[in-house]
Amino acid sequence: MDIEQRKAKIEERIAELTAQMRKISDDLDEPLPADLEDQAIDLEDDEVLSGLGLSHQKELRLLNGALMRIAGGSYGICAQCGDDISPERLDAVPYAVICRKCM
């Protein structure tokens, strides 16, 4: 996979996460039901959604960092030893900043 394909996959993932975060935000903005049992269930659901939203925010930051490294020409180069990060690692973790041996 070349750098442009990796960039496109990262941008695609950013779009997916952004759409999911918008949905989470909309779900969290819904008013609580009048029934107390339903409220308790909704509050538990909201807690899960909030955690998922935070996870998405973290992944977005990492992906945006990868895009910045692509623009700067340092994408795919280990920040610790300077060797290339393997394509397999970048396939699995597109925002990886260190190679497998430096982990």
PDB file of N, CA and C in Angstrom:
ATOM      1  N   MET A   1       0.852  -1.178   0.000  1.00  0.00           N
ATOM      2  CA  MET A   1       0.000   0.000   0.000  1.00  0.00           C
ATOM      3  C   MET A   1       0.896   1.238   0.000  1.00  0.00           C
ATOM      4  N   ASP A   2       0.664   2.146  -0.926  1.00  0.00           N
ATOM      5  CA  ASP A   2       1.506   3.345  -0.979  1.00  0.00           C
ATOM      6  C   ASP A   2       0.973   4.412  -0.020  1.00  0.00           C
ATOM      7  N   ILE A   3       1.722   5.484   0.107  1.00  0.00           N
ATOM      8  CA  ILE A   3       1.408   6.529   1.090  1.00  0.00           C
ATOM      9  C   ILE A   3       0.060   7.187   0.824  1.00  0.00           C
ATOM     10  N   GLU A   4      -0.297   7.359  -0.444  1.00  0.00           N
ATOM     11  CA  GLU A   4      -1.590   7.975  -0.774  1.00  0.00           C
ATOM     12  C   GLU A   4      -2.748   7.065  -0.387  1.00  0.00           C
ATOM     13  N   GLN A   5      -2.558   5.756  -0.550  1.00  0.00           N
ATOM     14  CA  GLN A   5      -3.596   4.812  -0.135  1.00  0.00           C
ATOM     15  C   GLN A   5      -3.738   4.824   1.383  1.00  0.00           C
ATOM     16  N   ARG A   6      -2.619   4.887   2.078  1.00  0.00           N
ATOM     17  CA  ARG A   6      -2.670   4.951   3.550  1.00  0.00           C
ATOM     18  C   ARG A   6      -3.362   6.233   3.995  1.00  0.00           C
ATOM     19  N   LYS A   7      -3.024   7.334   3.334  1.00  0.00           N
ATOM     20  CA  LYS A   7      -3.656   8.616   3.667  1.00  0.00           C
ATOM     21  C   LYS A   7      -5.162   8.540   3.452  1.00  0.00           C
ATOM     22  N   ALA A   8      -5.595   7.941   2.348  1.00  0.00           N
ATOM     23  CA  ALA A   8      -7.021   7.807   2.056  1.00  0.00           C
ATOM     24  C   ALA A   8      -7.716   6.947   3.106  1.00  0.00           C
ATOM     25  N   LYS A   9      -7.063   5.855   3.545  1.00  0.00           N
ATOM     26  CA  LYS A   9      -7.656   4.997   4.576  1.00  0.00           C
ATOM     27  C   LYS A   9      -7.770   5.745   5.905  1.00  0.00           C
ATOM     28  N   ILE A  10      -6.762   6.534   6.233  1.00  0.00           N
ATOM     29  CA  ILE A  10      -6.797   7.311   7.470  1.00  0.00           C
ATOM     30  C   ILE A  10      -7.924   8.340   7.397  1.00  0.00           C
ATOM     31  N   GLU A  11      -8.040   9.027   6.281  1.00  0.00           N
ATOM     32  CA  GLU A  11      -9.106  10.019   6.114  1.00  0.00           C
ATOM     33  C   GLU A  11     -10.488   9.368   6.161  1.00  0.00           C
ATOM     34  N   GLU A  12     -10.590   8.160   5.611  1.00  0.00           N
ATOM     35  CA  GLU A  12     -11.852   7.421   5.661  1.00  0.00           C
ATOM     36  C   GLU A  12     -12.219   7.080   7.105  1.00  0.00           C
ATOM     37  N   ARG A  13     -11.224   6.645   7.875  1.00  0.00           N
ATOM     38  CA  ARG A  13     -11.464   6.309   9.289  1.00  0.00           C
ATOM     39  C   ARG A  13     -11.838   7.564  10.079  1.00  0.00           C
ATOM     40  N   ILE A  14     -11.212   8.679   9.776  1.00  0.00           N
ATOM     41  CA  ILE A  14     -11.553   9.940  10.443  1.00  0.00           C
ATOM     42  C   ILE A  14     -13.008  10.302  10.155  1.00  0.00           C
ATOM     43  N   ALA A  15     -13.445  10.133   8.913  1.00  0.00           N
ATOM     44  CA  ALA A  15     -14.829  10.426   8.555  1.00  0.00           C
ATOM     45  C   ALA A  15     -15.795   9.505   9.303  1.00  0.00           C
ATOM     46  N   GLU A  16     -15.449   8.213   9.412  1.00  0.00           N
ATOM     47  CA  GLU A  16     -16.286   7.263  10.154  1.00  0.00           C
ATOM     48  C   GLU A  16     -16.414   7.678  11.614  1.00  0.00           C
ATOM     49  N   LEU A  17     -15.278   7.980  12.240  1.00  0.00           N
ATOM     50  CA  LEU A  17     -15.284   8.355  13.652  1.00  0.00           C
ATOM     51  C   LEU A  17     -16.061   9.646  13.882  1.00  0.00           C
ATOM     52  N   THR A  18     -15.910  10.593  12.982  1.00  0.00           N
ATOM     53  CA  THR A  18     -16.617  11.869  13.107  1.00  0.00           C
ATOM     54  C   THR A  18     -18.124  11.649  13.033  1.00  0.00           C
ATOM     55  N   ALA A  19     -18.561  10.808  12.104  1.00  0.00           N
ATOM     56  CA  ALA A  19     -19.990  10.503  11.979  1.00  0.00           C
ATOM     57  C   ALA A  19     -20.505   9.794  13.232  1.00  0.00           C
ATOM     58  N   GLN A  20     -19.722   8.855  13.747  1.00  0.00           N
ATOM     59  CA  GLN A  20     -20.126   8.150  14.962  1.00  0.00           C
ATOM     60  C   GLN A  20     -20.202   9.094  16.153  1.00  0.00           C
ATOM     61  N   MET A  21     -19.257  10.031  16.234  1.00  0.00           N
ATOM     62  CA  MET A  21     -19.275  10.988  17.340  1.00  0.00           C
ATOM     63  C   MET A  21     -20.476  11.920  17.246  1.00  0.00           C
ATOM     64  N   ARG A  22     -20.847  12.288  16.031  1.00  0.00           N
ATOM     65  CA  ARG A  22     -22.038  13.112  15.850  1.00  0.00           C
ATOM     66  C   ARG A  22     -23.278  12.370  16.348  1.00  0.00           C
ATOM     67  N   LYS A  23     -23.369  11.070  16.030  1.00  0.00           N
ATOM     68  CA  LYS A  23     -24.500  10.239  16.467  1.00  0.00           C
ATOM     69  C   LYS A  23     -24.498  10.114  17.989  1.00  0.00           C
ATOM     70  N   ILE A  24     -23.335   9.898  18.566  1.00  0.00           N
ATOM     71  CA  ILE A  24     -23.230   9.803  20.024  1.00  0.00           C
ATOM     72  C   ILE A  24     -23.693  11.100  20.663  1.00  0.00           C
ATOM     73  N   SER A  25     -23.260  12.214  20.137  1.00  0.00           N
ATOM     74  CA  SER A  25     -23.652  13.516  20.666  1.00  0.00           C
ATOM     75  C   SER A  25     -25.161  13.706  20.592  1.00  0.00           C
ATOM     76  N   ASP A  26     -25.740  13.322  19.463  1.00  0.00           N
ATOM     77  CA  ASP A  26     -27.197  13.425  19.316  1.00  0.00           C
ATOM     78  C   ASP A  26     -27.911  12.542  20.326  1.00  0.00           C
ATOM     79  N   ASP A  27     -27.410  11.318  20.521  1.00  0.00           N
ATOM     80  CA  ASP A  27     -28.026  10.400  21.484  1.00  0.00           C
ATOM     81  C   ASP A  27     -27.917  10.939  22.908  1.00  0.00           C
ATOM     82  N   LEU A  28     -26.785  11.539  23.222  1.00  0.00           N
ATOM     83  CA  LEU A  28     -26.601  12.080  24.576  1.00  0.00           C
ATOM     84  C   LEU A  28     -27.467  13.308  24.826  1.00  0.00           C
ATOM     85  N   ASP A  29     -27.850  14.005  23.777  1.00  0.00           N
ATOM     86  CA  ASP A  29     -28.685  15.201  23.912  1.00  0.00           C
ATOM     87  C   ASP A  29     -30.165  14.893  24.081  1.00  0.00           C
ATOM     88  N   GLU A  30     -30.567  13.636  23.888  1.00  0.00           N
ATOM     89  CA  GLU A  30     -31.972  13.284  24.026  1.00  0.00           C
ATOM     90  C   GLU A  30     -32.388  13.407  25.489  1.00  0.00           C
ATOM     91  N   PRO A  31     -33.614  13.921  25.728  1.00  0.00           N
ATOM     92  CA  PRO A  31     -34.086  14.062  27.112  1.00  0.00           C
ATOM     93  C   PRO A  31     -34.339  12.693  27.746  1.00  0.00           C
ATOM     94  N   LEU A  32     -34.216  12.645  29.066  1.00  0.00           N
ATOM     95  CA  LEU A  32     -34.473  11.410  29.795  1.00  0.00           C
ATOM     96  C   LEU A  32     -35.973  11.116  29.831  1.00  0.00           C
ATOM     97  N   PRO A  33     -36.357   9.848  29.804  1.00  0.00           N
ATOM     98  CA  PRO A  33     -37.775   9.500  29.898  1.00  0.00           C
ATOM     99  C   PRO A  33     -38.308   9.782  31.304  1.00  0.00           C
ATOM    100  N   ALA A  34     -39.621   9.829  31.440  1.00  0.00           N
ATOM    101  CA  ALA A  34     -40.246  10.130  32.729  1.00  0.00           C
ATOM    102  C   ALA A  34     -40.107   8.968  33.716  1.00  0.00           C
ATOM    103  N   ASP A  35     -40.146   7.759  33.234  1.00  0.00           N
ATOM    104  CA  ASP A  35     -40.067   6.571  34.074  1.00  0.00           C
ATOM    105  C   ASP A  35     -38.667   6.435  34.682  1.00  0.00           C
ATOM    106  N   LEU A  36     -38.592   6.243  36.009  1.00  0.00           N
ATOM    107  CA  LEU A  36     -37.307   6.176  36.703  1.00  0.00           C
ATOM    108  C   LEU A  36     -36.459   4.984  36.269  1.00  0.00           C
ATOM    109  N   GLU A  37     -37.091   3.829  36.032  1.00  0.00           N
ATOM    110  CA  GLU A  37     -36.327   2.664  35.584  1.00  0.00           C
ATOM    111  C   GLU A  37     -35.724   2.920  34.205  1.00  0.00           C
ATOM    112  N   ASP A  38     -36.510   3.536  33.329  1.00  0.00           N
ATOM    113  CA  ASP A  38     -36.005   3.872  31.999  1.00  0.00           C
ATOM    114  C   ASP A  38     -34.889   4.911  32.088  1.00  0.00           C
ATOM    115  N   GLN A  39     -35.018   5.833  33.048  1.00  0.00           N
ATOM    116  CA  GLN A  39     -33.971   6.836  33.242  1.00  0.00           C
ATOM    117  C   GLN A  39     -32.658   6.167  33.646  1.00  0.00           C
ATOM    118  N   ALA A  40     -32.748   5.197  34.549  1.00  0.00           N
ATOM    119  CA  ALA A  40     -31.545   4.503  35.017  1.00  0.00           C
ATOM    120  C   ALA A  40     -30.861   3.787  33.855  1.00  0.00           C
ATOM    121  N   ILE A  41     -31.637   3.147  33.012  1.00  0.00           N
ATOM    122  CA  ILE A  41     -31.081   2.453  31.846  1.00  0.00           C
ATOM    123  C   ILE A  41     -30.441   3.462  30.898  1.00  0.00           C
ATOM    124  N   ASP A  42     -31.147   4.566  30.652  1.00  0.00           N
ATOM    125  CA  ASP A  42     -30.614   5.595  29.756  1.00  0.00           C
ATOM    126  C   ASP A  42     -29.318   6.196  30.300  1.00  0.00           C
ATOM    127  N   LEU A  43     -29.259   6.408  31.623  1.00  0.00           N
ATOM    128  CA  LEU A  43     -28.038   6.965  32.216  1.00  0.00           C
ATOM    129  C   LEU A  43     -26.859   6.003  32.072  1.00  0.00           C
ATOM    130  N   GLU A  44     -27.110   4.706  32.228  1.00  0.00           N
ATOM    131  CA  GLU A  44     -26.054   3.716  32.020  1.00  0.00           C
ATOM    132  C   GLU A  44     -25.602   3.731  30.560  1.00  0.00           C
ATOM    133  N   ASP A  45     -26.565   3.794  29.652  1.00  0.00           N
ATOM    134  CA  ASP A  45     -26.243   3.860  28.225  1.00  0.00           C
ATOM    135  C   ASP A  45     -25.422   5.109  27.909  1.00  0.00           C
ATOM    136  N   ASP A  46     -25.811   6.224  28.531  1.00  0.00           N
ATOM    137  CA  ASP A  46     -25.086   7.477  28.304  1.00  0.00           C
ATOM    138  C   ASP A  46     -23.633   7.376  28.772  1.00  0.00           C
ATOM    139  N   GLU A  47     -23.434   6.651  29.875  1.00  0.00           N
ATOM    140  CA  GLU A  47     -22.077   6.468  30.393  1.00  0.00           C
ATOM    141  C   GLU A  47     -21.217   5.694  29.385  1.00  0.00           C
ATOM    142  N   VAL A  48     -21.803   4.656  28.809  1.00  0.00           N
ATOM    143  CA  VAL A  48     -21.095   3.864  27.800  1.00  0.00           C
ATOM    144  C   VAL A  48     -20.807   4.729  26.574  1.00  0.00           C
ATOM    145  N   LEU A  49     -21.807   5.494  26.129  1.00  0.00           N
ATOM    146  CA  LEU A  49     -21.630   6.361  24.969  1.00  0.00           C
ATOM    147  C   LEU A  49     -20.548   7.410  25.216  1.00  0.00           C
ATOM    148  N   SER A  50     -20.512   7.961  26.414  1.00  0.00           N
ATOM    149  CA  SER A  50     -19.487   8.953  26.747  1.00  0.00           C
ATOM    150  C   SER A  50     -18.094   8.342  26.666  1.00  0.00           C
ATOM    151  N   GLY A  51     -17.950   7.138  27.194  1.00  0.00           N
ATOM    152  CA  GLY A  51     -16.656   6.458  27.119  1.00  0.00           C
ATOM    153  C   GLY A  51     -16.248   6.175  25.683  1.00  0.00           C
ATOM    154  N   LEU A  52     -17.217   5.771  24.877  1.00  0.00           N
ATOM    155  CA  LEU A  52     -16.945   5.515  23.468  1.00  0.00           C
ATOM    156  C   LEU A  52     -16.542   6.809  22.757  1.00  0.00           C
ATOM    157  N   GLY A  53     -17.224   7.898  23.094  1.00  0.00           N
ATOM    158  CA  GLY A  53     -16.882   9.198  22.511  1.00  0.00           C
ATOM    159  C   GLY A  53     -15.464   9.619  22.852  1.00  0.00           C
ATOM    160  N   LEU A  54     -15.052   9.393  24.093  1.00  0.00           N
ATOM    161  CA  LEU A  54     -13.679   9.727  24.498  1.00  0.00           C
ATOM    162  C   LEU A  54     -12.659   8.875  23.750  1.00  0.00           C
ATOM    163  N   SER A  55     -12.980   7.604  23.579  1.00  0.00           N
ATOM    164  CA  SER A  55     -12.105   6.715  22.820  1.00  0.00           C
ATOM    165  C   SER A  55     -11.975   7.183  21.371  1.00  0.00           C
ATOM    166  N   HIS A  56     -13.091   7.593  20.785  1.00  0.00           N
ATOM    167  CA  HIS A  56     -13.075   8.106  19.412  1.00  0.00           C
ATOM    168  C   HIS A  56     -12.238   9.385  19.317  1.00  0.00           C
ATOM    169  N   GLN A  57     -12.363  10.264  20.312  1.00  0.00           N
ATOM    170  CA  GLN A  57     -11.591  11.508  20.307  1.00  0.00           C
ATOM    171  C   GLN A  57     -10.092  11.210  20.330  1.00  0.00           C
ATOM    172  N   LYS A  58      -9.693  10.235  21.148  1.00  0.00           N
ATOM    173  CA  LYS A  58      -8.280   9.872  21.234  1.00  0.00           C
ATOM    174  C   LYS A  58      -7.796   9.323  19.894  1.00  0.00           C
ATOM    175  N   GLU A  59      -8.590   8.434  19.290  1.00  0.00           N
ATOM    176  CA  GLU A  59      -8.187   7.870  17.998  1.00  0.00           C
ATOM    177  C   GLU A  59      -8.107   8.960  16.931  1.00  0.00           C
ATOM    178  N   LEU A  60      -9.040   9.918  16.972  1.00  0.00           N
ATOM    179  CA  LEU A  60      -8.997  11.027  16.008  1.00  0.00           C
ATOM    180  C   LEU A  60      -7.706  11.835  16.150  1.00  0.00           C
ATOM    181  N   ARG A  61      -7.300  12.109  17.386  1.00  0.00           N
ATOM    182  CA  ARG A  61      -6.050  12.848  17.606  1.00  0.00           C
ATOM    183  C   ARG A  61      -4.865  12.076  17.024  1.00  0.00           C
ATOM    184  N   LEU A  62      -4.832  10.772  17.266  1.00  0.00           N
ATOM    185  CA  LEU A  62      -3.737   9.945  16.756  1.00  0.00           C
ATOM    186  C   LEU A  62      -3.738   9.904  15.228  1.00  0.00           C
ATOM    187  N   LEU A  63      -4.916   9.776  14.627  1.00  0.00           N
ATOM    188  CA  LEU A  63      -5.025   9.744  13.167  1.00  0.00           C
ATOM    189  C   LEU A  63      -4.635  11.082  12.550  1.00  0.00           C
ATOM    190  N   ASN A  64      -5.050  12.165  13.176  1.00  0.00           N
ATOM    191  CA  ASN A  64      -4.653  13.487  12.674  1.00  0.00           C
ATOM    192  C   ASN A  64      -3.145  13.683  12.786  1.00  0.00           C
ATOM    193  N   GLY A  65      -2.550  13.131  13.830  1.00  0.00           N
ATOM    194  CA  GLY A  65      -1.096  13.167  13.954  1.00  0.00           C
ATOM    195  C   GLY A  65      -0.429  12.400  12.818  1.00  0.00           C
ATOM    196  N   ALA A  66      -1.026  11.265  12.442  1.00  0.00           N
ATOM    197  CA  ALA A  66      -0.499  10.491  11.317  1.00  0.00           C
ATOM    198  C   ALA A  66      -0.576  11.294  10.026  1.00  0.00           C
ATOM    199  N   LEU A  67      -1.684  12.008   9.825  1.00  0.00           N
ATOM    200  CA  LEU A  67      -1.802  12.854   8.626  1.00  0.00           C
ATOM    201  C   LEU A  67      -0.740  13.952   8.625  1.00  0.00           C
ATOM    202  N   MET A  68      -0.446  14.506   9.800  1.00  0.00           N
ATOM    203  CA  MET A  68       0.593  15.537   9.884  1.00  0.00           C
ATOM    204  C   MET A  68       1.966  14.943   9.556  1.00  0.00           C
ATOM    205  N   ARG A  69       2.215  13.702  10.001  1.00  0.00           N
ATOM    206  CA  ARG A  69       3.488  13.054   9.674  1.00  0.00           C
ATOM    207  C   ARG A  69       3.574  12.744   8.183  1.00  0.00           C
ATOM    208  N   ILE A  70       2.444  12.387   7.574  1.00  0.00           N
ATOM    209  CA  ILE A  70       2.435  12.164   6.125  1.00  0.00           C
ATOM    210  C   ILE A  70       2.812  13.457   5.418  1.00  0.00           C
ATOM    211  N   ALA A  71       2.190  14.559   5.823  1.00  0.00           N
ATOM    212  CA  ALA A  71       2.472  15.863   5.206  1.00  0.00           C
ATOM    213  C   ALA A  71       3.926  16.274   5.425  1.00  0.00           C
ATOM    214  N   GLY A  72       4.469  15.918   6.580  1.00  0.00           N
ATOM    215  CA  GLY A  72       5.847  16.299   6.894  1.00  0.00           C
ATOM    216  C   GLY A  72       6.899  15.328   6.388  1.00  0.00           C
ATOM    217  N   GLY A  73       6.450  14.210   5.838  1.00  0.00           N
ATOM    218  CA  GLY A  73       7.388  13.240   5.283  1.00  0.00           C
ATOM    219  C   GLY A  73       7.987  12.272   6.286  1.00  0.00           C
ATOM    220  N   SER A  74       7.485  12.245   7.515  1.00  0.00           N
ATOM    221  CA  SER A  74       8.051  11.339   8.511  1.00  0.00           C
ATOM    222  C   SER A  74       7.151  10.146   8.822  1.00  0.00           C
ATOM    223  N   TYR A  75       6.052  10.017   8.102  1.00  0.00           N
ATOM    224  CA  TYR A  75       5.133   8.895   8.349  1.00  0.00           C
ATOM    225  C   TYR A  75       5.824   7.580   8.001  1.00  0.00           C
ATOM    226  N   GLY A  76       5.665   6.594   8.872  1.00  0.00           N
ATOM    227  CA  GLY A  76       6.232   5.277   8.620  1.00  0.00           C
ATOM    228  C   GLY A  76       7.676   5.136   9.062  1.00  0.00           C
ATOM    229  N   ILE A  77       8.203   6.181   9.698  1.00  0.00           N
ATOM    230  CA  ILE A  77       9.571   6.138  10.210  1.00  0.00           C
ATOM    231  C   ILE A  77       9.500   6.144  11.735  1.00  0.00           C
ATOM    232  N   CYS A  78      10.155   5.200  12.354  1.00  0.00           N
ATOM    233  CA  CYS A  78      10.127   5.062  13.809  1.00  0.00           C
ATOM    234  C   CYS A  78      10.701   6.311  14.472  1.00  0.00           C
ATOM    235  N   ALA A  79       9.959   6.870  15.403  1.00  0.00           N
ATOM    236  CA  ALA A  79      10.383   8.075  16.101  1.00  0.00           C
ATOM    237  C   ALA A  79      11.525   7.794  17.075  1.00  0.00           C
ATOM    238  N   GLN A  80      11.722   6.509  17.393  1.00  0.00           N
ATOM    239  CA  GLN A  80      12.762   6.176  18.354  1.00  0.00           C
ATOM    240  C   GLN A  80      14.085   5.810  17.689  1.00  0.00           C
ATOM    241  N   CYS A  81      14.046   4.888  16.709  1.00  0.00           N
ATOM    242  CA  CYS A  81      15.301   4.405  16.133  1.00  0.00           C
ATOM    243  C   CYS A  81      15.544   4.899  14.702  1.00  0.00           C
ATOM    244  N   GLY A  82      14.509   5.451  14.057  1.00  0.00           N
ATOM    245  CA  GLY A  82      14.674   5.969  12.707  1.00  0.00           C
ATOM    246  C   GLY A  82      14.504   4.943  11.601  1.00  0.00           C
ATOM    247  N   ASP A  83      14.288   3.674  11.969  1.00  0.00           N
ATOM    248  CA  ASP A  83      14.035   2.640  10.962  1.00  0.00           C
ATOM    249  C   ASP A  83      12.611   2.766  10.429  1.00  0.00           C
ATOM    250  N   ASP A  84      12.368   2.088   9.314  1.00  0.00           N
ATOM    251  CA  ASP A  84      11.008   2.065   8.771  1.00  0.00           C
ATOM    252  C   ASP A  84      10.109   1.225   9.667  1.00  0.00           C
ATOM    253  N   ILE A  85       8.864   1.676   9.817  1.00  0.00           N
ATOM    254  CA  ILE A  85       7.844   0.887  10.496  1.00  0.00           C
ATOM    255  C   ILE A  85       7.286  -0.061   9.441  1.00  0.00           C
ATOM    256  N   SER A  86       7.137  -1.327   9.783  1.00  0.00           N
ATOM    257  CA  SER A  86       6.722  -2.326   8.799  1.00  0.00           C
ATOM    258  C   SER A  86       5.321  -2.013   8.265  1.00  0.00           C
ATOM    259  N   PRO A  87       5.095  -2.318   6.995  1.00  0.00           N
ATOM    260  CA  PRO A  87       3.765  -2.110   6.412  1.00  0.00           C
ATOM    261  C   PRO A  87       2.673  -2.861   7.175  1.00  0.00           C
ATOM    262  N   GLU A  88       3.024  -4.047   7.694  1.00  0.00           N
ATOM    263  CA  GLU A  88       2.039  -4.826   8.456  1.00  0.00           C
ATOM    264  C   GLU A  88       1.622  -4.087   9.730  1.00  0.00           C
ATOM    265  N   ARG A  89       2.587  -3.455  10.383  1.00  0.00           N
ATOM    266  CA  ARG A  89       2.264  -2.683  11.599  1.00  0.00           C
ATOM    267  C   ARG A  89       1.403  -1.482  11.238  1.00  0.00           C
ATOM    268  N   LEU A  90       1.745  -0.806  10.157  1.00  0.00           N
ATOM    269  CA  LEU A  90       0.950   0.355   9.743  1.00  0.00           C
ATOM    270  C   LEU A  90      -0.448  -0.055   9.285  1.00  0.00           C
ATOM    271  N   ASP A  91      -0.571  -1.279   8.733  1.00  0.00           N
ATOM    272  CA  ASP A  91      -1.899  -1.780   8.384  1.00  0.00           C
ATOM    273  C   ASP A  91      -2.747  -1.949   9.642  1.00  0.00           C
ATOM    274  N   ALA A  92      -2.129  -2.485  10.687  1.00  0.00           N
ATOM    275  CA  ALA A  92      -2.843  -2.744  11.939  1.00  0.00           C
ATOM    276  C   ALA A  92      -3.046  -1.481  12.761  1.00  0.00           C
ATOM    277  N   VAL A  93      -2.032  -0.630  12.790  1.00  0.00           N
ATOM    278  CA  VAL A  93      -2.056   0.593  13.606  1.00  0.00           C
ATOM    279  C   VAL A  93      -1.577   1.745  12.721  1.00  0.00           C
ATOM    280  N   PRO A  94      -2.478   2.342  11.945  1.00  0.00           N
ATOM    281  CA  PRO A  94      -2.053   3.349  10.969  1.00  0.00           C
ATOM    282  C   PRO A  94      -1.425   4.600  11.577  1.00  0.00           C
ATOM    283  N   TYR A  95      -1.593   4.809  12.866  1.00  0.00           N
ATOM    284  CA  TYR A  95      -1.024   5.990  13.524  1.00  0.00           C
ATOM    285  C   TYR A  95       0.225   5.636  14.328  1.00  0.00           C
ATOM    286  N   ALA A  96       0.792   4.449  14.089  1.00  0.00           N
ATOM    287  CA  ALA A  96       1.972   4.010  14.833  1.00  0.00           C
ATOM    288  C   ALA A  96       3.131   4.997  14.638  1.00  0.00           C
ATOM    289  N   VAL A  97       3.826   5.307  15.732  1.00  0.00           N
ATOM    290  CA  VAL A  97       4.974   6.212  15.667  1.00  0.00           C
ATOM    291  C   VAL A  97       6.291   5.493  15.954  1.00  0.00           C
ATOM    292  N   ILE A  98       6.186   4.252  16.462  1.00  0.00           N
ATOM    293  CA  ILE A  98       7.395   3.482  16.709  1.00  0.00           C
ATOM    294  C   ILE A  98       7.248   2.102  16.072  1.00  0.00           C
ATOM    295  N   CYS A  99       8.382   1.524  15.723  1.00  0.00           N
ATOM    296  CA  CYS A  99       8.385   0.194  15.110  1.00  0.00           C
ATOM    297  C   CYS A  99       8.186  -0.874  16.191  1.00  0.00           C
ATOM    298  N   ARG A 100       8.000  -2.068  15.717  1.00  0.00           N
ATOM    299  CA  ARG A 100       7.732  -3.195  16.618  1.00  0.00           C
ATOM    300  C   ARG A 100       8.900  -3.482  17.569  1.00  0.00           C
ATOM    301  N   LYS A 101      10.116  -3.363  17.086  1.00  0.00           N
ATOM    302  CA  LYS A 101      11.258  -3.685  17.955  1.00  0.00           C
ATOM    303  C   LYS A 101      11.474  -2.620  19.031  1.00  0.00           C
ATOM    304  N   CYS A 102      10.978  -1.413  18.833  1.00  0.00           N
ATOM    305  CA  CYS A 102      11.125  -0.344  19.843  1.00  0.00           C
ATOM    306  C   CYS A 102       9.960  -0.312  20.837  1.00  0.00           C
ATOM    307  N   MET A 103       8.992  -1.155  20.626  1.00  0.00           N
ATOM    308  CA  MET A 103       7.838  -1.159  21.532  1.00  0.00           C
ATOM    309  C   MET A 103       8.201  -1.602  22.932  1.00  0.00           C
TER     310      MET A 103
END
